[in-house]
Amino acid sequence: MSFSSAPSRPEDWWKSAVVYQVYVRSFADDDGDGIGDLAGVRSRLPYLRDLGVDALWLTPFYRSPMVDGGYDVADYRDVDPTFGTLTDFDAMITDAHALGLRIIVDIVPNHTSDAHPWFGAALTSSPGSAERDRYLFRDGRGADGELPPNDWESIFGGPAWTRVPDGQWYLHLFDPAQPDLNWRHPEVRAEFEDVLRFWLDRGVDGFRIDVAHGMIKANGLPDVGDSVPAGQRQVELLGRARLPYFDQDEVHEIYRAWRPILDSYPGGRMAVAEAWAETPQRLARYVGPDELHQAFNFDFLDATWSADSFRKVVDTALAESAIVGAPTTWVLSNHDKQRHVTRYGDGALGLRRARAAALLMLALPGSVYLYQGEELGLPEVLDLPDELRQDPAFRRTGESRDGCRVPLPWSGDVPPYGFGPAGGGPAWLPAPPTWRALSVAAQTGNPDSTLELYRAALRLRREHTAPAGSTEPGQVTWLESEPGVLAFGFGRPAAAGSTELVCVVNLGAEPVAVGNYGTPLLHSQPAGPDTPTTLPTDSAAWFTRPATG
């Protein structure tokens, strides 16, 4: 199957980029207060360059009360003092560009913080006012308006409506501190177009759009009704059915207005959507020459540990990418999902599978989004004390995303493992004692470590995918393999007299013979006496062999 992975022009860099997600609060602490910051990111840029990534995606660092980790924005044009200043941002992006790294920032357009000046003005204004029209205020149902306007539920649990003292209700699809904006209001649209330009003028290379499917709500705000099976929450329909508050057709008008803004700046400024839709065809509508450049492929993250599941996800994604004319994206973990080491079984089993999945993902065409710490093989921290958890969803549902947000271990034998400067305070979430063996310092130079596996894979990926300037498409060619095994050729188009790369992943229950795939190049498990000819279960390997083309 052909793909257009390699950029034929410098401005197409995003088509094959490896993007590293930085959860700013948990990446590196420069000032010793136990919370990551932009100066900390800046200090670790050489590590990311040497890791081999192409770009960084920074989670929100804007002014915020931090009810939802910064996804409740009070000022879209300033840096929260927790993370530094605009001067710190400018210095960080200057250094990143000097090192050949691009910067993608999160933009949160579905909702603001309740501390945003607009929402403050809405609360002090009367029902029907222009100030309230920027948000979604409605009268309640019932004899005295004591019931919410409809049956919509918050993603974080409970009703999606909160009543204000004068009796009206406002919509918040997430926490009550995150009121939803009214994207049919021209002032809202103009404001965010200006916010895009503000950060583009400062040199950002792209945007990750939070809740990109959510800005438009169905006219009349109709009930979801009885389409939700008994015992389930509405959020469980996300990506499987149409909800009146997600993936409305009118949302595409917003992105058709944003694309010319991005295209008006040099260097290939891009946008990637965090979007959920009920069918692959509807998700594909977010991507195109007049809308967004990419949308996250969460099906890969959700694939079960089986050859059939991964093969179906890969084939579907590549077919969709051919339809829209843009390479797909691949992701195994992010700040909202349990780390895949733990999803795959935790402990030695989970790590073994996670390393194999990494080689599978990095062999696929398109762009890859890594989540900080996956290159260290970090598991989910499952035993955080309840009193330390900060995820607003935990208070409403008992579910928490804090376990994947524990600050990174950089060095040393005791927490916080070099996360902050010597003499600094403890990190905002504690790392477990077992992480001393998973720190960057502990893994660097150990050829069997997960960190060195990622470094090697990223180097080989760059060397063996088509170089910038090439107009030839790459290929994924599925090869014959035993049940439970995925095998495919990848990288540069094969030509007579050249070599080609092969990725083989054993998701079955027994070791398999792989001597016919070529010369071993990289293995997800430490080499053993049978490595050249046998691939153990739950492992992957890359091979090189003479091209057949």
Protein backbone atom coordinates (compact mmCIF):
# COMPACT_ATOMS: atom_id res chain seq x y z
CA MET A 1 0.00 0.00 0.00
CA SER A 2 1.49 3.34 -1.01
CA PHE A 3 1.72 6.36 1.21
CA SER A 4 3.10 9.88 1.02
CA SER A 5 5.09 9.85 4.24
CA ALA A 6 8.21 11.74 3.35
CA PRO A 7 7.95 15.48 2.85
CA SER A 8 8.56 16.54 -0.72
CA ARG A 9 8.87 20.16 0.45
CA PRO A 10 10.27 21.58 3.71
CA GLU A 11 6.84 22.97 4.55
CA ASP A 12 5.49 19.39 4.50
CA TRP A 13 7.67 18.47 7.49
CA TRP A 14 4.63 17.38 9.51
CA LYS A 15 3.80 14.53 7.14
CA SER A 16 6.49 12.26 8.56
CA ALA A 17 7.42 14.04 11.80
CA VAL A 18 7.98 12.39 15.14
CA VAL A 19 6.33 14.73 17.63
CA TYR A 20 7.08 14.50 21.36
CA GLN A 21 4.27 15.55 23.68
CA VAL A 22 5.52 17.62 26.61
CA TYR A 23 3.13 17.75 29.55
CA VAL A 24 4.75 20.97 30.74
CA ARG A 25 3.77 20.59 34.39
CA SER A 26 5.59 17.24 34.59
CA PHE A 27 8.55 17.53 32.20
CA ALA A 28 11.29 19.53 33.94
CA ASP A 29 11.27 22.02 36.83
CA ASP A 30 13.78 24.86 36.52
CA ASP A 31 12.91 27.01 39.54
CA GLY A 32 12.60 24.30 42.18
CA ASP A 33 8.93 24.74 43.08
CA GLY A 34 8.10 21.15 42.16
CA ILE A 35 6.18 22.07 39.00
CA GLY A 36 7.54 21.88 35.47
CA ASP A 37 7.96 25.12 33.55
CA LEU A 38 9.04 26.56 30.20
CA ALA A 39 12.59 27.20 31.40
CA GLY A 40 12.72 23.53 32.33
CA VAL A 41 11.61 22.59 28.82
CA ARG A 42 14.28 24.87 27.40
CA SER A 43 16.99 23.23 29.52
CA ARG A 44 16.10 19.78 28.21
CA LEU A 45 15.86 20.61 24.52
CA PRO A 46 19.24 18.99 23.76
CA TYR A 47 17.90 15.73 25.21
CA LEU A 48 14.97 15.84 22.79
CA ARG A 49 17.20 16.69 19.84
CA ASP A 50 19.47 13.76 20.70
CA LEU A 51 16.47 11.47 21.19
CA GLY A 52 15.72 12.09 17.53
CA VAL A 53 12.32 13.79 17.50
CA ASP A 54 11.34 16.52 15.06
CA ALA A 55 8.91 18.61 17.07
CA LEU A 56 7.46 19.22 20.53
CA TRP A 57 3.78 19.54 21.37
CA LEU A 58 3.40 21.61 24.54
CA THR A 59 0.27 21.21 26.66
CA PRO A 60 -1.36 24.51 27.77
CA PHE A 61 0.88 26.93 29.62
CA TYR A 62 -1.51 29.90 29.45
CA ARG A 63 -2.84 31.84 32.43
CA SER A 64 -5.22 29.54 34.25
CA PRO A 65 -6.58 28.65 37.69
CA MET A 66 -5.35 25.11 36.86
CA VAL A 67 -8.61 23.38 37.69
CA ASP A 68 -7.97 21.03 34.76
CA GLY A 69 -4.21 21.18 34.38
CA GLY A 70 -4.31 24.37 32.29
CA TYR A 71 -7.09 23.26 29.94
CA ASP A 72 -9.18 25.94 31.67
CA VAL A 73 -7.71 29.07 30.08
CA ALA A 74 -8.20 32.53 31.56
CA ASP A 75 -5.91 34.40 29.13
CA TYR A 76 -4.94 32.89 25.79
CA ARG A 77 -2.19 35.44 25.11
CA ASP A 78 -0.07 35.10 28.24
CA VAL A 79 1.96 32.52 30.15
CA ASP A 80 0.79 31.46 33.59
CA PRO A 81 3.34 32.47 36.26
CA THR A 82 3.51 28.79 37.27
CA PHE A 83 5.23 28.13 33.94
CA GLY A 84 7.16 31.39 33.49
CA THR A 85 6.69 34.40 31.23
CA LEU A 86 6.31 35.25 27.58
CA THR A 87 10.03 36.01 27.63
CA ASP A 88 10.66 32.44 28.75
CA PHE A 89 8.47 31.18 25.91
CA ASP A 90 10.33 33.28 23.35
CA ALA A 91 13.71 32.05 24.61
CA MET A 92 12.51 28.44 24.55
CA ILE A 93 11.19 28.60 21.00
CA THR A 94 14.33 30.39 19.78
CA ASP A 95 16.52 27.65 21.22
CA ALA A 96 14.23 24.93 19.86
CA HIS A 97 14.43 26.30 16.34
CA ALA A 98 18.22 26.63 16.63
CA LEU A 99 18.35 22.91 17.47
CA GLY A 100 16.12 22.00 14.53
CA LEU A 101 13.04 21.34 16.68
CA ARG A 102 9.61 22.72 15.85
CA ILE A 103 7.03 23.79 18.44
CA ILE A 104 3.33 22.88 18.43
CA VAL A 105 1.15 24.46 21.12
CA ASP A 106 -2.21 23.39 22.45
CA ILE A 107 -5.19 25.64 21.75
CA VAL A 108 -8.38 25.17 23.77
CA PRO A 109 -11.28 26.67 21.80
CA ASN A 110 -14.30 24.71 23.07
CA HIS A 111 -14.39 26.39 26.46
CA THR A 112 -12.66 28.98 28.62
CA SER A 113 -11.96 29.10 32.32
CA ASP A 114 -14.69 30.53 34.53
CA ALA A 115 -11.95 33.04 35.48
CA HIS A 116 -11.84 34.38 31.91
CA PRO A 117 -12.94 38.05 31.78
CA TRP A 118 -15.68 37.13 29.32
CA PHE A 119 -17.30 34.72 31.75
CA GLY A 120 -17.00 37.19 34.60
CA ALA A 121 -18.83 39.73 32.46
CA ALA A 122 -21.48 37.13 31.60
CA LEU A 123 -22.19 36.40 35.26
CA THR A 124 -22.66 40.08 36.09
CA SER A 125 -24.89 40.70 33.07
CA SER A 126 -28.56 39.91 32.69
CA PRO A 127 -30.11 36.98 30.80
CA GLY A 128 -30.19 37.66 27.08
CA SER A 129 -27.27 40.11 27.23
CA ALA A 130 -24.49 40.26 24.66
CA GLU A 131 -22.04 39.13 27.33
CA ARG A 132 -23.98 35.95 28.02
CA ASP A 133 -24.37 35.25 24.33
CA ARG A 134 -20.65 34.46 24.09
CA TYR A 135 -21.43 31.33 26.12
CA LEU A 136 -24.37 28.92 26.19
CA PHE A 137 -26.75 30.18 28.88
CA ARG A 138 -30.28 28.83 28.87
CA ASP A 139 -33.39 28.83 31.03
CA GLY A 140 -34.05 25.63 32.91
CA ARG A 141 -36.92 23.22 32.56
CA GLY A 142 -39.58 22.51 35.15
CA ALA A 143 -42.17 24.78 36.73
CA ASP A 144 -39.55 27.17 38.12
CA GLY A 145 -36.63 26.38 35.80
CA GLU A 146 -35.17 24.13 38.49
CA LEU A 147 -34.18 21.39 36.04
CA PRO A 148 -31.26 21.56 33.56
CA PRO A 149 -32.15 22.69 30.03
CA ASN A 150 -31.50 19.18 28.62
CA ASP A 151 -30.07 15.79 29.54
CA TRP A 152 -26.49 16.38 28.44
CA GLU A 153 -23.76 14.92 30.65
CA SER A 154 -20.31 16.24 31.42
CA ILE A 155 -17.38 14.23 30.09
CA PHE A 156 -16.08 14.37 33.65
CA GLY A 157 -19.31 12.94 35.08
CA GLY A 158 -22.59 14.44 36.26
CA PRO A 159 -24.78 16.97 34.46
CA ALA A 160 -23.27 19.32 31.88
CA TRP A 161 -25.16 22.30 33.29
CA THR A 162 -24.67 24.54 36.33
CA ARG A 163 -27.24 27.03 37.59
CA VAL A 164 -26.29 30.64 38.40
CA PRO A 165 -27.98 32.78 41.08
CA ASP A 166 -30.42 34.48 38.70
CA GLY A 167 -31.82 31.08 37.71
CA GLN A 168 -30.27 30.49 34.30
CA TRP A 169 -27.99 27.58 33.54
CA TYR A 170 -24.70 27.51 31.60
CA LEU A 171 -23.26 24.61 29.62
CA HIS A 172 -19.94 22.95 30.50
CA LEU A 173 -19.15 19.72 28.73
CA PHE A 174 -16.23 19.31 31.11
CA ASP A 175 -15.79 20.80 34.59
CA PRO A 176 -18.14 23.57 35.83
CA ALA A 177 -15.01 25.76 35.81
CA GLN A 178 -14.86 25.30 32.00
CA PRO A 179 -17.92 27.00 30.46
CA ASP A 180 -18.50 26.20 26.77
CA LEU A 181 -18.28 29.02 24.28
CA ASN A 182 -20.97 29.85 21.73
CA TRP A 183 -19.17 29.37 18.43
CA ARG A 184 -22.07 30.78 16.47
CA HIS A 185 -21.15 34.18 17.93
CA PRO A 186 -18.97 36.16 15.50
CA GLU A 187 -16.97 37.71 18.35
CA VAL A 188 -15.88 34.27 19.52
CA ARG A 189 -14.69 33.33 16.04
CA ALA A 190 -12.82 36.60 15.60
CA GLU A 191 -11.17 36.25 19.00
CA PHE A 192 -9.67 32.86 18.25
CA GLU A 193 -8.50 33.85 14.81
CA ASP A 194 -6.57 36.63 16.54
CA VAL A 195 -5.21 34.19 19.14
CA LEU A 196 -3.88 31.99 16.32
CA ARG A 197 -2.09 34.95 14.79
CA PHE A 198 -0.65 35.96 18.18
CA TRP A 199 1.19 32.67 18.57
CA LEU A 200 2.05 32.30 14.90
CA ASP A 201 3.69 35.71 15.10
CA ARG A 202 5.79 34.38 17.99
CA GLY A 203 7.02 31.56 15.77
CA VAL A 204 4.96 28.51 16.69
CA ASP A 205 4.93 25.86 13.99
CA GLY A 206 1.51 24.41 14.65
CA PHE A 207 -1.46 23.85 16.92
CA ARG A 208 -2.99 20.82 18.56
CA ILE A 209 -6.72 21.61 18.76
CA ASP A 210 -8.32 20.39 21.97
CA VAL A 211 -11.85 18.96 21.56
CA ALA A 212 -11.76 19.90 17.89
CA HIS A 213 -15.09 18.15 17.33
CA GLY A 214 -16.94 20.02 20.05
CA MET A 215 -17.31 23.70 19.30
CA ILE A 216 -20.68 23.56 17.54
CA LYS A 217 -23.77 22.18 19.28
CA ALA A 218 -26.90 21.03 17.48
CA ASN A 219 -29.52 23.74 16.98
CA GLY A 220 -32.03 23.79 19.78
CA LEU A 221 -29.72 21.78 22.08
CA PRO A 222 -31.86 18.61 21.85
CA ASP A 223 -31.74 15.81 24.40
CA VAL A 224 -29.50 12.82 23.80
CA GLY A 225 -32.51 10.74 24.80
CA ASP A 226 -32.65 7.00 25.22
CA SER A 227 -29.85 6.19 22.75
CA VAL A 228 -27.53 5.53 25.70
CA PRO A 229 -27.73 1.92 26.90
CA ALA A 230 -28.80 1.43 30.49
CA GLY A 231 -25.95 1.74 32.94
CA GLN A 232 -23.70 3.64 30.55
CA ARG A 233 -22.65 7.27 30.47
CA GLN A 234 -23.01 9.41 27.36
CA VAL A 235 -19.22 9.70 27.09
CA GLU A 236 -19.11 5.98 26.31
CA LEU A 237 -20.78 6.76 22.96
CA LEU A 238 -17.86 9.01 22.01
CA GLY A 239 -16.50 7.81 18.68
CA ARG A 240 -19.36 5.31 18.26
CA ALA A 241 -22.49 7.45 17.83
CA ARG A 242 -23.41 11.02 17.04
CA LEU A 243 -24.05 13.18 20.06
CA PRO A 244 -25.83 16.54 19.69
CA TYR A 245 -22.86 18.33 21.21
CA PHE A 246 -20.08 16.74 19.13
CA ASP A 247 -19.08 16.47 15.46
CA GLN A 248 -21.73 18.77 14.04
CA ASP A 249 -21.31 19.62 10.36
CA GLU A 250 -21.02 23.34 11.02
CA VAL A 251 -17.73 22.86 12.89
CA HIS A 252 -15.97 22.53 9.55
CA GLU A 253 -16.74 26.17 8.75
CA ILE A 254 -14.40 27.11 11.60
CA TYR A 255 -11.48 25.17 10.18
CA ARG A 256 -12.09 26.45 6.67
CA ALA A 257 -11.60 29.93 8.17
CA TRP A 258 -8.48 28.88 10.08
CA ARG A 259 -6.63 27.20 7.22
CA PRO A 260 -5.95 30.41 5.24
CA ILE A 261 -4.47 31.94 8.39
CA LEU A 262 -2.05 29.03 8.79
CA ASP A 263 -1.21 29.06 5.08
CA SER A 264 -0.42 32.78 5.18
CA TYR A 265 2.66 32.12 7.35
CA PRO A 266 5.88 30.62 5.94
CA GLY A 267 7.48 27.33 6.90
CA GLY A 268 4.55 24.95 6.88
CA ARG A 269 2.44 25.94 9.90
CA MET A 270 0.04 23.11 10.68
CA ALA A 271 -2.85 22.00 12.89
CA VAL A 272 -3.78 18.57 14.24
CA ALA A 273 -7.24 17.80 15.59
CA GLU A 274 -8.13 15.92 18.71
CA ALA A 275 -11.39 14.78 17.20
CA TRP A 276 -13.76 11.89 17.78
CA ALA A 277 -16.36 10.90 15.21
CA GLU A 278 -18.74 7.98 14.79
CA THR A 279 -17.20 6.75 11.53
CA PRO A 280 -13.78 6.95 9.87
CA GLN A 281 -15.42 8.84 7.02
CA ARG A 282 -16.65 11.59 9.33
CA LEU A 283 -13.26 11.83 11.03
CA ALA A 284 -11.59 12.17 7.64
CA ARG A 285 -13.64 15.30 6.96
CA TYR A 286 -11.46 17.25 9.42
CA VAL A 287 -8.42 16.74 7.19
CA GLY A 288 -7.88 18.30 3.81
CA PRO A 289 -6.30 21.16 1.87
CA ASP A 290 -9.00 23.57 3.04
CA GLU A 291 -9.26 22.39 6.67
CA LEU A 292 -6.78 20.77 9.06
CA HIS A 293 -3.59 18.92 8.27
CA GLN A 294 -4.06 15.94 10.57
CA ALA A 295 -6.39 14.27 13.05
CA PHE A 296 -5.27 11.89 15.76
CA ASN A 297 -5.80 8.21 15.07
CA PHE A 298 -6.93 6.89 18.45
CA ASP A 299 -7.87 3.50 17.01
CA PHE A 300 -4.20 2.51 17.11
CA LEU A 301 -4.05 3.39 20.81
CA ASP A 302 -7.20 1.34 21.44
CA ALA A 303 -6.12 -1.75 19.47
CA THR A 304 -6.08 -4.97 21.45
CA TRP A 305 -2.91 -7.03 21.68
CA SER A 306 -3.52 -9.20 18.64
CA ALA A 307 -2.30 -9.32 15.07
CA ASP A 308 -5.84 -9.09 13.72
CA SER A 309 -6.64 -5.95 15.73
CA PHE A 310 -3.49 -4.08 14.74
CA ARG A 311 -3.74 -5.19 11.10
CA LYS A 312 -7.32 -3.93 10.87
CA VAL A 313 -6.42 -0.57 12.43
CA VAL A 314 -3.39 -0.07 10.18
CA ASP A 315 -5.21 -1.05 6.98
CA THR A 316 -8.16 1.21 7.81
CA ALA A 317 -5.92 4.16 8.66
CA LEU A 318 -3.83 3.82 5.49
CA ALA A 319 -6.96 3.55 3.36
CA GLU A 320 -8.39 6.69 4.97
CA SER A 321 -5.14 8.57 4.49
CA ALA A 322 -5.26 7.75 0.79
CA ILE A 323 -8.79 9.16 0.58
CA VAL A 324 -7.92 12.52 2.16
CA GLY A 325 -4.45 12.75 0.63
CA ALA A 326 -2.67 13.19 3.97
CA PRO A 327 -0.60 10.72 6.00
CA THR A 328 -2.15 9.38 9.15
CA THR A 329 -0.95 9.78 12.73
CA TRP A 330 0.03 7.09 15.22
CA VAL A 331 -0.08 7.32 18.99
CA LEU A 332 0.22 4.82 21.85
CA SER A 333 -0.19 7.09 24.89
CA ASN A 334 -1.02 10.66 25.86
CA HIS A 335 -1.87 12.74 28.93
CA ASP A 336 -5.49 11.52 28.95
CA LYS A 337 -4.88 7.77 28.64
CA GLN A 338 -3.33 5.12 30.85
CA ARG A 339 0.28 4.51 29.82
CA HIS A 340 0.52 1.62 27.40
CA VAL A 341 3.05 -0.31 29.47
CA THR A 342 0.26 -0.76 32.00
CA ARG A 343 -2.50 -1.24 29.42
CA TYR A 344 -0.52 -4.09 27.88
CA GLY A 345 -0.19 -5.96 31.14
CA ASP A 346 2.11 -3.91 33.42
CA GLY A 347 5.36 -5.26 34.80
CA ALA A 348 7.71 -7.23 32.57
CA LEU A 349 4.91 -8.33 30.23
CA GLY A 350 3.63 -4.80 29.70
CA LEU A 351 7.11 -3.42 29.06
CA ARG A 352 7.95 -6.21 26.61
CA ARG A 353 4.79 -5.53 24.64
CA ALA A 354 5.27 -1.75 24.82
CA ARG A 355 8.75 -2.06 23.30
CA ALA A 356 7.38 -4.22 20.49
CA ALA A 357 4.53 -1.78 19.86
CA ALA A 358 7.05 1.05 19.61
CA LEU A 359 8.89 -0.67 16.76
CA LEU A 360 5.59 -1.39 15.04
CA MET A 361 4.48 2.22 15.33
CA LEU A 362 7.81 3.72 14.25
CA ALA A 363 7.85 1.53 11.13
CA LEU A 364 4.51 2.85 9.91
CA PRO A 365 4.17 5.70 7.38
CA GLY A 366 2.91 9.08 8.50
CA SER A 367 3.65 11.00 11.67
CA VAL A 368 4.14 9.64 15.17
CA TYR A 369 3.18 11.31 18.44
CA LEU A 370 5.17 10.13 21.46
CA TYR A 371 4.12 10.91 25.02
CA GLN A 372 6.85 12.01 27.38
CA GLY A 373 8.27 9.11 29.35
CA GLU A 374 7.24 6.35 26.96
CA GLU A 375 10.83 6.33 25.73
CA LEU A 376 11.76 5.39 29.31
CA GLY A 377 9.21 2.59 29.52
CA LEU A 378 7.33 4.32 32.32
CA PRO A 379 4.25 2.52 33.66
CA GLU A 380 1.11 4.15 35.00
CA VAL A 381 1.39 5.06 38.69
CA LEU A 382 -1.68 3.37 40.11
CA ASP A 383 -1.25 3.99 43.84
CA LEU A 384 -1.16 7.76 44.14
CA PRO A 385 -2.75 8.96 47.40
CA ASP A 386 -6.24 10.30 46.77
CA GLU A 387 -5.43 13.58 48.49
CA LEU A 388 -2.69 14.31 45.94
CA ARG A 389 -4.75 13.64 42.83
CA GLN A 390 -5.67 16.80 40.92
CA ASP A 391 -7.68 15.53 37.95
CA PRO A 392 -11.15 17.13 38.20
CA ALA A 393 -12.70 13.95 36.83
CA PHE A 394 -11.53 12.10 39.95
CA ARG A 395 -13.81 14.15 42.18
CA ARG A 396 -16.85 13.44 39.99
CA THR A 397 -16.32 9.85 38.84
CA GLY A 398 -13.44 8.36 40.79
CA GLU A 399 -11.50 8.03 37.53
CA SER A 400 -8.14 9.78 37.37
CA ARG A 401 -5.60 10.66 34.72
CA ASP A 402 -2.96 11.70 37.27
CA GLY A 403 -1.16 8.36 37.06
CA CYS A 404 0.19 9.13 33.58
CA ARG A 405 1.19 12.67 34.60
CA VAL A 406 3.76 11.89 37.29
CA PRO A 407 6.90 14.00 36.66
CA LEU A 408 9.70 12.44 34.64
CA PRO A 409 12.72 10.83 36.32
CA TRP A 410 15.92 12.36 35.00
CA SER A 411 18.65 11.19 37.38
CA GLY A 412 19.54 10.14 40.92
CA ASP A 413 18.37 7.51 43.37
CA VAL A 414 15.64 9.34 45.28
CA PRO A 415 12.52 11.26 44.21
CA PRO A 416 12.04 13.56 42.42
CA TYR A 417 14.91 12.03 40.42
CA GLY A 418 16.42 15.21 39.04
CA PHE A 419 13.06 16.65 38.00
CA GLY A 420 14.07 19.94 39.64
CA PRO A 421 17.32 21.60 40.67
CA ALA A 422 19.37 20.40 43.62
CA GLY A 423 17.76 21.64 46.83
CA GLY A 424 14.37 22.11 45.17
CA GLY A 425 11.07 20.98 46.60
CA PRO A 426 9.29 17.68 46.00
CA ALA A 427 7.48 17.23 42.71
CA TRP A 428 3.76 17.97 42.58
CA LEU A 429 3.10 14.23 42.19
CA PRO A 430 5.45 11.64 43.72
CA ALA A 431 7.31 9.11 41.61
CA PRO A 432 7.60 5.53 42.92
CA PRO A 433 10.91 4.08 44.18
CA THR A 434 11.09 1.73 41.19
CA TRP A 435 11.61 4.69 38.88
CA ARG A 436 15.24 5.11 39.96
CA ALA A 437 16.08 2.37 37.47
CA LEU A 438 14.03 4.07 34.72
CA SER A 439 15.62 7.53 34.82
CA VAL A 440 17.28 9.04 31.78
CA ALA A 441 20.67 8.81 33.47
CA ALA A 442 20.18 5.18 34.48
CA GLN A 443 19.20 4.12 30.96
CA THR A 444 21.63 6.20 28.93
CA GLY A 445 24.39 4.03 27.51
CA ASN A 446 22.69 0.75 28.40
CA PRO A 447 22.10 -0.94 25.04
CA ASP A 448 19.27 -3.04 26.47
CA SER A 449 17.33 -0.05 27.87
CA THR A 450 14.08 1.27 26.47
CA LEU A 451 15.61 4.71 26.03
CA GLU A 452 18.40 3.38 23.84
CA LEU A 453 15.87 1.32 21.87
CA TYR A 454 13.92 4.49 21.07
CA ARG A 455 17.09 6.39 20.19
CA ALA A 456 18.16 3.64 17.81
CA ALA A 457 14.71 3.26 16.26
CA LEU A 458 14.32 6.99 15.69
CA ARG A 459 17.76 7.20 14.09
CA LEU A 460 17.03 4.27 11.79
CA ARG A 461 13.57 5.62 10.95
CA ARG A 462 15.14 8.87 9.81
CA GLU A 463 17.87 7.13 7.83
CA HIS A 464 15.59 4.68 6.05
CA THR A 465 12.53 6.75 5.19
CA ALA A 466 12.58 8.84 2.05
CA PRO A 467 14.65 12.00 2.51
CA ALA A 468 13.33 15.54 2.25
CA GLY A 469 13.10 16.52 -1.39
CA SER A 470 11.97 13.11 -2.58
CA THR A 471 8.74 13.03 -4.54
CA GLU A 472 8.50 9.23 -4.54
CA PRO A 473 5.99 7.67 -2.17
CA GLY A 474 7.03 5.06 0.33
CA GLN A 475 5.28 1.74 0.70
CA VAL A 476 3.89 -0.64 3.26
CA THR A 477 3.89 -4.09 1.76
CA TRP A 478 2.39 -6.87 3.85
CA LEU A 479 4.40 -10.08 3.74
CA GLU A 480 3.36 -13.66 4.30
CA SER A 481 3.63 -14.60 7.95
CA GLU A 482 2.48 -17.12 10.49
CA PRO A 483 -0.80 -16.65 12.42
CA GLY A 484 -0.38 -14.07 15.15
CA VAL A 485 2.48 -12.35 13.31
CA LEU A 486 2.56 -9.08 11.38
CA ALA A 487 5.28 -8.63 8.78
CA PHE A 488 5.67 -5.80 6.29
CA GLY A 489 8.24 -3.94 4.28
CA PHE A 490 8.60 -0.23 5.00
CA GLY A 491 10.79 2.79 4.35
CA ARG A 492 12.11 3.97 1.02
CA PRO A 493 10.52 2.60 -2.15
CA ALA A 494 12.36 -0.57 -3.11
CA ALA A 495 14.53 -0.36 -6.19
CA ALA A 496 16.63 -2.98 -7.92
CA GLY A 497 20.07 -3.24 -6.32
CA SER A 498 18.99 -1.47 -3.12
CA THR A 499 17.96 -2.79 0.28
CA GLU A 500 14.58 -2.67 1.95
CA LEU A 501 13.51 -2.76 5.58
CA VAL A 502 11.12 -5.27 7.10
CA CYS A 503 9.25 -5.04 10.40
CA VAL A 504 8.07 -8.27 12.04
CA VAL A 505 5.93 -8.30 15.20
CA ASN A 506 5.09 -11.51 17.05
CA LEU A 507 1.79 -11.07 18.86
CA GLY A 508 1.18 -14.80 19.12
CA ALA A 509 1.72 -17.27 21.92
CA GLU A 510 4.84 -19.01 20.59
CA PRO A 511 8.25 -17.98 19.21
CA VAL A 512 8.42 -17.87 15.41
CA ALA A 513 11.19 -18.43 12.90
CA VAL A 514 12.26 -15.21 11.17
CA GLY A 515 15.47 -16.23 9.43
CA ASN A 516 13.92 -15.63 6.02
CA TYR A 517 13.20 -11.92 6.61
CA GLY A 518 16.78 -10.73 6.23
CA THR A 519 19.62 -9.47 8.38
CA PRO A 520 18.57 -8.36 11.89
CA LEU A 521 18.85 -4.60 12.31
CA LEU A 522 17.04 -3.82 15.57
CA HIS A 523 15.24 -5.98 18.13
CA SER A 524 12.76 -4.92 20.81
CA GLN A 525 14.27 -7.43 23.27
CA PRO A 526 17.90 -7.87 24.33
CA ALA A 527 19.75 -10.11 21.93
CA GLY A 528 19.93 -13.81 22.77
CA PRO A 529 21.53 -16.84 21.12
CA ASP A 530 18.50 -17.43 18.93
CA THR A 531 17.86 -13.77 18.03
CA PRO A 532 19.02 -13.97 14.39
CA THR A 533 16.53 -16.70 13.52
CA THR A 534 13.80 -16.69 16.18
CA LEU A 535 11.44 -13.95 17.32
CA PRO A 536 10.05 -14.50 20.83
CA THR A 537 6.42 -13.81 21.65
CA ASP A 538 5.50 -10.21 22.41
CA SER A 539 8.48 -8.81 20.55
CA ALA A 540 9.34 -7.08 17.29
CA ALA A 541 12.36 -6.75 15.05
CA TRP A 542 13.52 -4.78 12.05
CA PHE A 543 15.47 -6.49 9.28
CA THR A 544 17.25 -5.37 6.15
CA ARG A 545 17.38 -7.41 2.96
CA PRO A 546 17.98 -6.96 -0.77
CA ALA A 547 15.09 -5.16 -2.42
CA THR A 548 12.80 -7.17 -4.60
CA GLY A 549 11.74 -4.23 -6.75
